[in-house]
């Protein structure tokens, strides 16, 4: 992997990528928890907060062009 590109990327890109990776792995761990328990609900709230961060940072990422179809995912996530 090329970590140099990650380190040299703008801060918002780094935050976006780290939140997305966290949400991916944290979401997988939620599936292993007993459904409906306090730990499961707390983990779900942490995951939802991470996904909110991913969606919000995606709106301010440096973009090479105008709005693209991928931005629909931001709207869906926020809804």
PDB file of N, CA and C in Angstrom:
ATOM      1  N   UNK A   1       0.840  -1.178   0.000  1.00  0.00           N
ATOM      2  CA  UNK A   1       0.000   0.000   0.000  1.00  0.00           C
ATOM      3  C   UNK A   1       0.883   1.238   0.000  1.00  0.00           C
ATOM      4  N   UNK A   2       0.378   2.308  -0.571  1.00  0.00           N
ATOM      5  CA  UNK A   2       1.121   3.553  -0.657  1.00  0.00           C
ATOM      6  C   UNK A   2       0.597   4.524   0.399  1.00  0.00           C
ATOM      7  N   UNK A   3       1.241   4.516   1.561  1.00  0.00           N
ATOM      8  CA  UNK A   3       0.804   5.395   2.640  1.00  0.00           C
ATOM      9  C   UNK A   3       1.267   6.827   2.429  1.00  0.00           C
ATOM     10  N   UNK A   4       2.264   7.020   1.570  1.00  0.00           N
ATOM     11  CA  UNK A   4       2.748   8.366   1.304  1.00  0.00           C
ATOM     12  C   UNK A   4       1.641   9.214   0.671  1.00  0.00           C
ATOM     13  N   UNK A   5       0.884   8.622  -0.249  1.00  0.00           N
ATOM     14  CA  UNK A   5      -0.215   9.348  -0.878  1.00  0.00           C
ATOM     15  C   UNK A   5      -1.271   9.725   0.152  1.00  0.00           C
ATOM     16  N   UNK A   6      -1.515   8.844   1.104  1.00  0.00           N
ATOM     17  CA  UNK A   6      -2.489   9.124   2.164  1.00  0.00           C
ATOM     18  C   UNK A   6      -2.002  10.257   3.054  1.00  0.00           C
ATOM     19  N   UNK A   7      -0.740  10.215   3.432  1.00  0.00           N
ATOM     20  CA  UNK A   7      -0.178  11.240   4.310  1.00  0.00           C
ATOM     21  C   UNK A   7      -0.153  12.603   3.622  1.00  0.00           C
ATOM     22  N   UNK A   8       0.078  12.616   2.321  1.00  0.00           N
ATOM     23  CA  UNK A   8       0.148  13.874   1.582  1.00  0.00           C
ATOM     24  C   UNK A   8      -1.228  14.404   1.168  1.00  0.00           C
ATOM     25  N   UNK A   9      -2.259  13.598   1.321  1.00  0.00           N
ATOM     26  CA  UNK A   9      -3.620  14.006   0.937  1.00  0.00           C
ATOM     27  C   UNK A   9      -4.116  15.107   1.878  1.00  0.00           C
ATOM     28  N   UNK A  10      -5.062  15.914   1.414  1.00  0.00           N
ATOM     29  CA  UNK A  10      -5.660  16.934   2.293  1.00  0.00           C
ATOM     30  C   UNK A  10      -6.282  16.290   3.537  1.00  0.00           C
ATOM     31  N   UNK A  11      -6.330  17.040   4.609  1.00  0.00           N
ATOM     32  CA  UNK A  11      -6.841  16.527   5.888  1.00  0.00           C
ATOM     33  C   UNK A  11      -8.252  15.977   5.751  1.00  0.00           C
ATOM     34  N   UNK A  12      -9.113  16.643   5.000  1.00  0.00           N
ATOM     35  CA  UNK A  12     -10.494  16.179   4.867  1.00  0.00           C
ATOM     36  C   UNK A  12     -10.534  14.800   4.191  1.00  0.00           C
ATOM     37  N   UNK A  13      -9.633  14.538   3.273  1.00  0.00           N
ATOM     38  CA  UNK A  13      -9.567  13.229   2.615  1.00  0.00           C
ATOM     39  C   UNK A  13      -9.127  12.177   3.622  1.00  0.00           C
ATOM     40  N   UNK A  14      -8.155  12.507   4.452  1.00  0.00           N
ATOM     41  CA  UNK A  14      -7.681  11.575   5.468  1.00  0.00           C
ATOM     42  C   UNK A  14      -8.793  11.243   6.465  1.00  0.00           C
ATOM     43  N   UNK A  15      -9.494  12.271   6.934  1.00  0.00           N
ATOM     44  CA  UNK A  15     -10.586  12.061   7.889  1.00  0.00           C
ATOM     45  C   UNK A  15     -11.680  11.212   7.252  1.00  0.00           C
ATOM     46  N   UNK A  16     -12.031  11.523   6.012  1.00  0.00           N
ATOM     47  CA  UNK A  16     -13.068  10.780   5.294  1.00  0.00           C
ATOM     48  C   UNK A  16     -12.684   9.297   5.183  1.00  0.00           C
ATOM     49  N   UNK A  17     -11.451   9.025   4.780  1.00  0.00           N
ATOM     50  CA  UNK A  17     -11.002   7.647   4.602  1.00  0.00           C
ATOM     51  C   UNK A  17     -10.960   6.900   5.935  1.00  0.00           C
ATOM     52  N   UNK A  18     -10.463   7.545   6.967  1.00  0.00           N
ATOM     53  CA  UNK A  18     -10.384   6.884   8.272  1.00  0.00           C
ATOM     54  C   UNK A  18     -11.771   6.602   8.845  1.00  0.00           C
ATOM     55  N   UNK A  19     -12.680   7.552   8.706  1.00  0.00           N
ATOM     56  CA  UNK A  19     -14.053   7.322   9.177  1.00  0.00           C
ATOM     57  C   UNK A  19     -14.719   6.181   8.404  1.00  0.00           C
ATOM     58  N   UNK A  20     -14.489   6.141   7.093  1.00  0.00           N
ATOM     59  CA  UNK A  20     -15.087   5.084   6.273  1.00  0.00           C
ATOM     60  C   UNK A  20     -14.535   3.718   6.668  1.00  0.00           C
ATOM     61  N   UNK A  21     -13.235   3.619   6.883  1.00  0.00           N
ATOM     62  CA  UNK A  21     -12.651   2.342   7.312  1.00  0.00           C
ATOM     63  C   UNK A  21     -13.155   1.939   8.691  1.00  0.00           C
ATOM     64  N   UNK A  22     -13.234   2.921   9.594  1.00  0.00           N
ATOM     65  CA  UNK A  22     -13.754   2.643  10.924  1.00  0.00           C
ATOM     66  C   UNK A  22     -15.186   2.125  10.847  1.00  0.00           C
ATOM     67  N   UNK A  23     -16.028   2.806  10.067  1.00  0.00           N
ATOM     68  CA  UNK A  23     -17.433   2.403   9.939  1.00  0.00           C
ATOM     69  C   UNK A  23     -17.551   1.005   9.344  1.00  0.00           C
ATOM     70  N   UNK A  24     -16.690   0.688   8.391  1.00  0.00           N
ATOM     71  CA  UNK A  24     -16.722  -0.632   7.770  1.00  0.00           C
ATOM     72  C   UNK A  24     -16.434  -1.730   8.791  1.00  0.00           C
ATOM     73  N   UNK A  25     -15.356  -1.576   9.530  1.00  0.00           N
ATOM     74  CA  UNK A  25     -14.980  -2.606  10.489  1.00  0.00           C
ATOM     75  C   UNK A  25     -15.869  -2.597  11.734  1.00  0.00           C
ATOM     76  N   UNK A  26     -16.255  -1.421  12.181  1.00  0.00           N
ATOM     77  CA  UNK A  26     -17.144  -1.328  13.347  1.00  0.00           C
ATOM     78  C   UNK A  26     -18.509  -1.932  13.017  1.00  0.00           C
ATOM     79  N   UNK A  27     -18.993  -1.668  11.817  1.00  0.00           N
ATOM     80  CA  UNK A  27     -20.276  -2.253  11.394  1.00  0.00           C
ATOM     81  C   UNK A  27     -20.223  -3.763  11.373  1.00  0.00           C
ATOM     82  N   UNK A  28     -19.107  -4.318  10.940  1.00  0.00           N
ATOM     83  CA  UNK A  28     -18.952  -5.777  10.969  1.00  0.00           C
ATOM     84  C   UNK A  28     -18.970  -6.318  12.383  1.00  0.00           C
ATOM     85  N   UNK A  29     -18.374  -5.582  13.312  1.00  0.00           N
ATOM     86  CA  UNK A  29     -18.360  -6.052  14.704  1.00  0.00           C
ATOM     87  C   UNK A  29     -19.758  -5.996  15.318  1.00  0.00           C
ATOM     88  N   UNK A  30     -20.570  -5.052  14.847  1.00  0.00           N
ATOM     89  CA  UNK A  30     -21.944  -4.958  15.367  1.00  0.00           C
ATOM     90  C   UNK A  30     -22.719  -6.232  15.046  1.00  0.00           C
ATOM     91  N   UNK A  31     -22.453  -6.809  13.889  1.00  0.00           N
ATOM     92  CA  UNK A  31     -23.155  -8.022  13.487  1.00  0.00           C
ATOM     93  C   UNK A  31     -22.850  -9.192  14.415  1.00  0.00           C
ATOM     94  N   UNK A  32     -21.747  -9.114  15.147  1.00  0.00           N
ATOM     95  CA  UNK A  32     -21.372 -10.189  16.062  1.00  0.00           C
ATOM     96  C   UNK A  32     -21.965 -10.009  17.455  1.00  0.00           C
ATOM     97  N   UNK A  33     -22.529  -8.853  17.721  1.00  0.00           N
ATOM     98  CA  UNK A  33     -23.104  -8.583  19.042  1.00  0.00           C
ATOM     99  C   UNK A  33     -24.539  -9.124  19.120  1.00  0.00           C
ATOM    100  N   UNK A  34     -24.973  -9.384  20.339  1.00  0.00           N
ATOM    101  CA  UNK A  34     -26.346  -9.837  20.545  1.00  0.00           C
ATOM    102  C   UNK A  34     -27.290  -8.685  20.214  1.00  0.00           C
ATOM    103  N   UNK A  35     -28.241  -8.957  19.346  1.00  0.00           N
ATOM    104  CA  UNK A  35     -29.166  -7.924  18.888  1.00  0.00           C
ATOM    105  C   UNK A  35     -30.059  -7.462  20.039  1.00  0.00           C
ATOM    106  N   UNK A  36     -30.201  -6.140  20.128  1.00  0.00           N
ATOM    107  CA  UNK A  36     -31.121  -5.563  21.100  1.00  0.00           C
ATOM    108  C   UNK A  36     -30.512  -5.250  22.443  1.00  0.00           C
ATOM    109  N   UNK A  37     -29.313  -5.730  22.706  1.00  0.00           N
ATOM    110  CA  UNK A  37     -28.669  -5.445  23.983  1.00  0.00           C
ATOM    111  C   UNK A  37     -28.152  -4.018  24.020  1.00  0.00           C
ATOM    112  N   UNK A  38     -27.792  -3.560  25.211  1.00  0.00           N
ATOM    113  CA  UNK A  38     -27.287  -2.210  25.363  1.00  0.00           C
ATOM    114  C   UNK A  38     -26.013  -1.973  24.570  1.00  0.00           C
ATOM    115  N   UNK A  39     -25.128  -2.965  24.551  1.00  0.00           N
ATOM    116  CA  UNK A  39     -23.888  -2.825  23.799  1.00  0.00           C
ATOM    117  C   UNK A  39     -24.142  -2.726  22.308  1.00  0.00           C
ATOM    118  N   UNK A  40     -25.099  -3.488  21.823  1.00  0.00           N
ATOM    119  CA  UNK A  40     -25.442  -3.475  20.411  1.00  0.00           C
ATOM    120  C   UNK A  40     -26.002  -2.109  20.005  1.00  0.00           C
ATOM    121  N   UNK A  41     -26.868  -1.570  20.839  1.00  0.00           N
ATOM    122  CA  UNK A  41     -27.468  -0.265  20.536  1.00  0.00           C
ATOM    123  C   UNK A  41     -26.413   0.837  20.566  1.00  0.00           C
ATOM    124  N   UNK A  42     -25.522   0.802  21.556  1.00  0.00           N
ATOM    125  CA  UNK A  42     -24.460   1.800  21.629  1.00  0.00           C
ATOM    126  C   UNK A  42     -23.551   1.699  20.415  1.00  0.00           C
ATOM    127  N   UNK A  43     -23.184   0.482  20.049  1.00  0.00           N
ATOM    128  CA  UNK A  43     -22.316   0.270  18.884  1.00  0.00           C
ATOM    129  C   UNK A  43     -22.993   0.781  17.618  1.00  0.00           C
ATOM    130  N   UNK A  44     -24.301   0.605  17.508  1.00  0.00           N
ATOM    131  CA  UNK A  44     -25.045   1.097  16.357  1.00  0.00           C
ATOM    132  C   UNK A  44     -25.040   2.611  16.289  1.00  0.00           C
ATOM    133  N   UNK A  45     -25.121   3.251  17.435  1.00  0.00           N
ATOM    134  CA  UNK A  45     -25.079   4.716  17.450  1.00  0.00           C
ATOM    135  C   UNK A  45     -23.696   5.229  17.060  1.00  0.00           C
ATOM    136  N   UNK A  46     -22.661   4.540  17.518  1.00  0.00           N
ATOM    137  CA  UNK A  46     -21.297   4.924  17.134  1.00  0.00           C
ATOM    138  C   UNK A  46     -21.128   4.763  15.631  1.00  0.00           C
ATOM    139  N   UNK A  47     -21.635   3.650  15.075  1.00  0.00           N
ATOM    140  CA  UNK A  47     -21.554   3.411  13.634  1.00  0.00           C
ATOM    141  C   UNK A  47     -22.307   4.495  12.860  1.00  0.00           C
ATOM    142  N   UNK A  48     -23.509   4.832  13.322  1.00  0.00           N
ATOM    143  CA  UNK A  48     -24.307   5.856  12.631  1.00  0.00           C
ATOM    144  C   UNK A  48     -23.600   7.208  12.672  1.00  0.00           C
ATOM    145  N   UNK A  49     -22.951   7.528  13.777  1.00  0.00           N
ATOM    146  CA  UNK A  49     -22.203   8.774  13.881  1.00  0.00           C
ATOM    147  C   UNK A  49     -21.020   8.773  12.909  1.00  0.00           C
ATOM    148  N   UNK A  50     -20.337   7.639  12.817  1.00  0.00           N
ATOM    149  CA  UNK A  50     -19.220   7.534  11.865  1.00  0.00           C
ATOM    150  C   UNK A  50     -19.723   7.709  10.433  1.00  0.00           C
ATOM    151  N   UNK A  51     -20.851   7.102  10.110  1.00  0.00           N
ATOM    152  CA  UNK A  51     -21.408   7.239   8.765  1.00  0.00           C
ATOM    153  C   UNK A  51     -21.839   8.677   8.490  1.00  0.00           C
ATOM    154  N   UNK A  52     -22.351   9.360   9.490  1.00  0.00           N
ATOM    155  CA  UNK A  52     -22.683  10.779   9.338  1.00  0.00           C
ATOM    156  C   UNK A  52     -21.416  11.569   9.015  1.00  0.00           C
ATOM    157  N   UNK A  53     -20.332  11.265   9.715  1.00  0.00           N
ATOM    158  CA  UNK A  53     -19.060  11.927   9.432  1.00  0.00           C
ATOM    159  C   UNK A  53     -18.565  11.647   8.027  1.00  0.00           C
ATOM    160  N   UNK A  54     -18.727  10.409   7.573  1.00  0.00           N
ATOM    161  CA  UNK A  54     -18.329  10.051   6.205  1.00  0.00           C
ATOM    162  C   UNK A  54     -19.148  10.855   5.200  1.00  0.00           C
ATOM    163  N   UNK A  55     -20.446  10.945   5.430  1.00  0.00           N
ATOM    164  CA  UNK A  55     -21.314  11.677   4.499  1.00  0.00           C
ATOM    165  C   UNK A  55     -20.992  13.168   4.497  1.00  0.00           C
ATOM    166  N   UNK A  56     -20.780  13.740   5.675  1.00  0.00           N
ATOM    167  CA  UNK A  56     -20.505  15.172   5.745  1.00  0.00           C
ATOM    168  C   UNK A  56     -19.152  15.517   5.125  1.00  0.00           C
ATOM    169  N   UNK A  57     -18.144  14.691   5.376  1.00  0.00           N
ATOM    170  CA  UNK A  57     -16.841  14.976   4.779  1.00  0.00           C
ATOM    171  C   UNK A  57     -16.859  14.759   3.272  1.00  0.00           C
ATOM    172  N   UNK A  58     -17.727  13.887   2.787  1.00  0.00           N
ATOM    173  CA  UNK A  58     -17.784  13.668   1.338  1.00  0.00           C
ATOM    174  C   UNK A  58     -18.284  14.911   0.604  1.00  0.00           C
ATOM    175  N   UNK A  59     -19.034  15.760   1.305  1.00  0.00           N
ATOM    176  CA  UNK A  59     -19.561  16.962   0.666  1.00  0.00           C
ATOM    177  C   UNK A  59     -18.497  18.040   0.500  1.00  0.00           C
ATOM    178  N   UNK A  60     -17.397  17.946   1.234  1.00  0.00           N
ATOM    179  CA  UNK A  60     -16.362  18.977   1.149  1.00  0.00           C
ATOM    180  C   UNK A  60     -15.039  18.432   0.602  1.00  0.00           C
ATOM    181  N   UNK A  61     -15.066  17.229   0.070  1.00  0.00           N
ATOM    182  CA  UNK A  61     -13.860  16.676  -0.542  1.00  0.00           C
ATOM    183  C   UNK A  61     -13.480  17.504  -1.757  1.00  0.00           C
ATOM    184  N   UNK A  62     -12.179  17.646  -1.996  1.00  0.00           N
ATOM    185  CA  UNK A  62     -11.772  18.345  -3.216  1.00  0.00           C
ATOM    186  C   UNK A  62     -12.284  17.589  -4.438  1.00  0.00           C
ATOM    187  N   UNK A  63     -13.040  18.259  -5.264  1.00  0.00           N
ATOM    188  CA  UNK A  63     -13.666  17.595  -6.402  1.00  0.00           C
ATOM    189  C   UNK A  63     -13.039  18.088  -7.702  1.00  0.00           C
ATOM    190  N   UNK A  64     -12.753  17.163  -8.627  1.00  0.00           N
ATOM    191  CA  UNK A  64     -12.209  17.584  -9.908  1.00  0.00           C
ATOM    192  C   UNK A  64     -13.255  18.221 -10.818  1.00  0.00           C
ATOM    193  N   UNK A  65     -14.520  17.969 -10.563  1.00  0.00           N
ATOM    194  CA  UNK A  65     -15.583  18.512 -11.413  1.00  0.00           C
ATOM    195  C   UNK A  65     -16.776  18.906 -10.581  1.00  0.00           C
ATOM    196  N   UNK A  66     -17.914  18.993 -11.237  1.00  0.00           N
ATOM    197  CA  UNK A  66     -19.146  19.339 -10.534  1.00  0.00           C
ATOM    198  C   UNK A  66     -19.703  18.124  -9.819  1.00  0.00           C
ATOM    199  N   UNK A  67     -20.944  18.231  -9.408  1.00  0.00           N
ATOM    200  CA  UNK A  67     -21.618  17.146  -8.710  1.00  0.00           C
ATOM    201  C   UNK A  67     -21.735  15.944  -9.648  1.00  0.00           C
ATOM    202  N   UNK A  68     -21.431  14.778  -9.110  1.00  0.00           N
ATOM    203  CA  UNK A  68     -21.497  13.555  -9.894  1.00  0.00           C
ATOM    204  C   UNK A  68     -22.547  12.620  -9.298  1.00  0.00           C
ATOM    205  N   UNK A  69     -22.898  11.554 -10.000  1.00  0.00           N
ATOM    206  CA  UNK A  69     -23.898  10.625  -9.478  1.00  0.00           C
ATOM    207  C   UNK A  69     -23.520  10.001  -8.133  1.00  0.00           C
ATOM    208  N   UNK A  70     -22.230   9.927  -7.824  1.00  0.00           N
ATOM    209  CA  UNK A  70     -21.812   9.341  -6.559  1.00  0.00           C
ATOM    210  C   UNK A  70     -22.316  10.173  -5.380  1.00  0.00           C
ATOM    211  N   UNK A  71     -22.611  11.467  -5.608  1.00  0.00           N
ATOM    212  CA  UNK A  71     -23.112  12.316  -4.547  1.00  0.00           C
ATOM    213  C   UNK A  71     -24.511  11.909  -4.096  1.00  0.00           C
ATOM    214  N   UNK A  72     -25.182  11.112  -4.877  1.00  0.00           N
ATOM    215  CA  UNK A  72     -26.492  10.589  -4.452  1.00  0.00           C
ATOM    216  C   UNK A  72     -26.339   9.755  -3.185  1.00  0.00           C
ATOM    217  N   UNK A  73     -25.206   9.060  -3.044  1.00  0.00           N
ATOM    218  CA  UNK A  73     -24.974   8.257  -1.837  1.00  0.00           C
ATOM    219  C   UNK A  73     -24.909   9.141  -0.597  1.00  0.00           C
ATOM    220  N   UNK A  74     -24.363  10.336  -0.748  1.00  0.00           N
ATOM    221  CA  UNK A  74     -24.320  11.266   0.383  1.00  0.00           C
ATOM    222  C   UNK A  74     -25.738  11.616   0.818  1.00  0.00           C
ATOM    223  N   UNK A  75     -26.575  11.943  -0.136  1.00  0.00           N
ATOM    224  CA  UNK A  75     -27.962  12.294   0.188  1.00  0.00           C
ATOM    225  C   UNK A  75     -28.697  11.111   0.820  1.00  0.00           C
ATOM    226  N   UNK A  76     -28.506   9.933   0.265  1.00  0.00           N
ATOM    227  CA  UNK A  76     -29.168   8.735   0.819  1.00  0.00           C
ATOM    228  C   UNK A  76     -28.704   8.476   2.232  1.00  0.00           C
ATOM    229  N   UNK A  77     -27.401   8.602   2.478  1.00  0.00           N
ATOM    230  CA  UNK A  77     -26.867   8.368   3.819  1.00  0.00           C
ATOM    231  C   UNK A  77     -27.408   9.377   4.817  1.00  0.00           C
ATOM    232  N   UNK A  78     -27.494  10.624   4.416  1.00  0.00           N
ATOM    233  CA  UNK A  78     -28.002  11.642   5.321  1.00  0.00           C
ATOM    234  C   UNK A  78     -29.491  11.468   5.621  1.00  0.00           C
ATOM    235  N   UNK A  79     -30.233  10.972   4.653  1.00  0.00           N
ATOM    236  CA  UNK A  79     -31.673  10.749   4.865  1.00  0.00           C
ATOM    237  C   UNK A  79     -31.859   9.557   5.764  1.00  0.00           C
TER     238      UNK A  79
END
